[in-house]
């Protein structure tokens, strides 16, 4: 029944890149040896605080909680609905003053 409802957890490692500088403000976590599917949740453990002007890269443990078939289906539907909001914004007529 877990294939339908999900909840399976997998312990992995991931490469983490965090930067908070005037040139870039980002945080990326790339899981090792596993494909992340729609609806899956990834929690990275032990992330350090990164102050302004710092850039750090590290390998950290993480937990992936797999989504079941229903959650993957719902995530796909929700993503399509969110995408249609971009169409509405992208094709609005330009206002004249």
Protein backbone atom coordinates (compact mmCIF):
# COMPACT_ATOMS: atom_id res chain seq x y z
CA UNK A 1 0.00 0.00 0.00
CA UNK A 2 3.04 2.32 0.34
CA UNK A 3 3.15 2.62 -3.48
CA UNK A 4 -0.21 4.41 -3.25
CA UNK A 5 0.24 6.52 -0.11
CA UNK A 6 4.04 6.85 0.03
CA UNK A 7 5.99 7.48 3.21
CA UNK A 8 9.02 5.32 2.42
CA UNK A 9 12.21 7.04 3.63
CA UNK A 10 15.71 6.72 2.18
CA UNK A 11 18.89 7.98 3.87
CA UNK A 12 21.35 9.54 1.39
CA UNK A 13 24.15 12.10 1.14
CA UNK A 14 24.00 15.25 -0.94
CA UNK A 15 26.33 17.94 -2.20
CA UNK A 16 25.31 21.31 -0.77
CA UNK A 17 26.36 24.71 -2.15
CA UNK A 18 25.34 27.80 -0.17
CA UNK A 19 26.34 31.35 -1.05
CA UNK A 20 25.30 34.70 0.41
CA UNK A 21 27.38 37.38 -1.32
CA UNK A 22 26.66 40.57 -3.27
CA UNK A 23 27.03 38.51 -6.48
CA UNK A 24 24.80 35.57 -5.56
CA UNK A 25 22.26 34.45 -2.96
CA UNK A 26 21.50 30.75 -3.38
CA UNK A 27 21.34 27.33 -1.76
CA UNK A 28 21.51 24.16 -3.85
CA UNK A 29 21.34 20.56 -2.63
CA UNK A 30 22.07 17.81 -5.16
CA UNK A 31 21.17 14.32 -3.92
CA UNK A 32 23.66 11.52 -4.67
CA UNK A 33 22.52 8.31 -6.35
CA UNK A 34 18.77 8.87 -6.29
CA UNK A 35 16.18 10.43 -8.61
CA UNK A 36 13.85 12.90 -6.93
CA UNK A 37 10.31 12.52 -8.29
CA UNK A 38 7.33 14.92 -8.09
CA UNK A 39 5.98 15.10 -4.53
CA UNK A 40 9.12 13.69 -2.86
CA UNK A 41 10.46 15.60 0.14
CA UNK A 42 14.19 16.06 0.84
CA UNK A 43 15.40 17.18 4.28
CA UNK A 44 19.11 18.05 4.55
CA UNK A 45 20.57 17.53 8.03
CA UNK A 46 23.22 19.70 9.70
CA UNK A 47 23.20 22.71 7.41
CA UNK A 48 25.42 25.44 8.86
CA UNK A 49 24.58 29.11 9.09
CA UNK A 50 26.23 31.07 6.30
CA UNK A 51 26.83 34.74 6.99
CA UNK A 52 26.86 37.57 4.48
CA UNK A 53 29.92 37.42 2.24
CA UNK A 54 30.38 33.66 2.71
CA UNK A 55 30.28 30.77 0.27
CA UNK A 56 30.39 27.14 1.43
CA UNK A 57 30.24 23.76 -0.27
CA UNK A 58 29.94 20.50 1.69
CA UNK A 59 28.58 16.94 1.73
CA UNK A 60 25.76 16.41 4.20
CA UNK A 61 23.36 13.60 5.12
CA UNK A 62 19.75 13.90 3.98
CA UNK A 63 16.47 12.02 4.22
CA UNK A 64 14.21 11.54 1.19
CA UNK A 65 10.55 10.77 1.89
CA UNK A 66 8.99 9.22 -1.18
CA UNK A 67 5.58 10.39 -2.36
CA UNK A 68 2.97 7.78 -3.19
CA UNK A 69 1.09 7.55 -6.49
CA UNK A 70 -1.72 9.83 -5.28
CA UNK A 71 0.63 12.58 -4.11
CA UNK A 72 2.69 12.40 -7.33
CA UNK A 73 -0.54 12.69 -9.34
CA UNK A 74 -1.74 15.66 -7.26
CA UNK A 75 1.65 17.39 -7.51
CA UNK A 76 1.50 17.11 -11.31
CA UNK A 77 -2.02 18.57 -11.44
CA UNK A 78 -1.08 21.43 -9.08
CA UNK A 79 2.02 22.20 -11.16
CA UNK A 80 -0.06 22.46 -14.34
CA UNK A 81 -2.52 24.81 -12.63
CA UNK A 82 0.35 26.99 -11.39
CA UNK A 83 1.79 27.06 -14.90
CA UNK A 84 -1.46 28.42 -16.35
CA UNK A 85 -1.13 31.46 -14.05
CA UNK A 86 2.02 32.36 -15.99
CA UNK A 87 0.05 32.29 -19.24
CA UNK A 88 -2.44 34.78 -17.84
CA UNK A 89 0.31 37.17 -16.78
CA UNK A 90 2.25 36.73 -20.01
CA UNK A 91 -0.62 37.58 -22.34
CA UNK A 92 -2.34 40.50 -20.63
CA UNK A 93 -2.68 43.53 -22.90
CA UNK A 94 -0.32 46.39 -22.18
CA UNK A 95 -2.00 49.31 -20.41
CA UNK A 96 -1.94 52.70 -22.16
CA UNK A 97 -1.63 55.88 -20.18
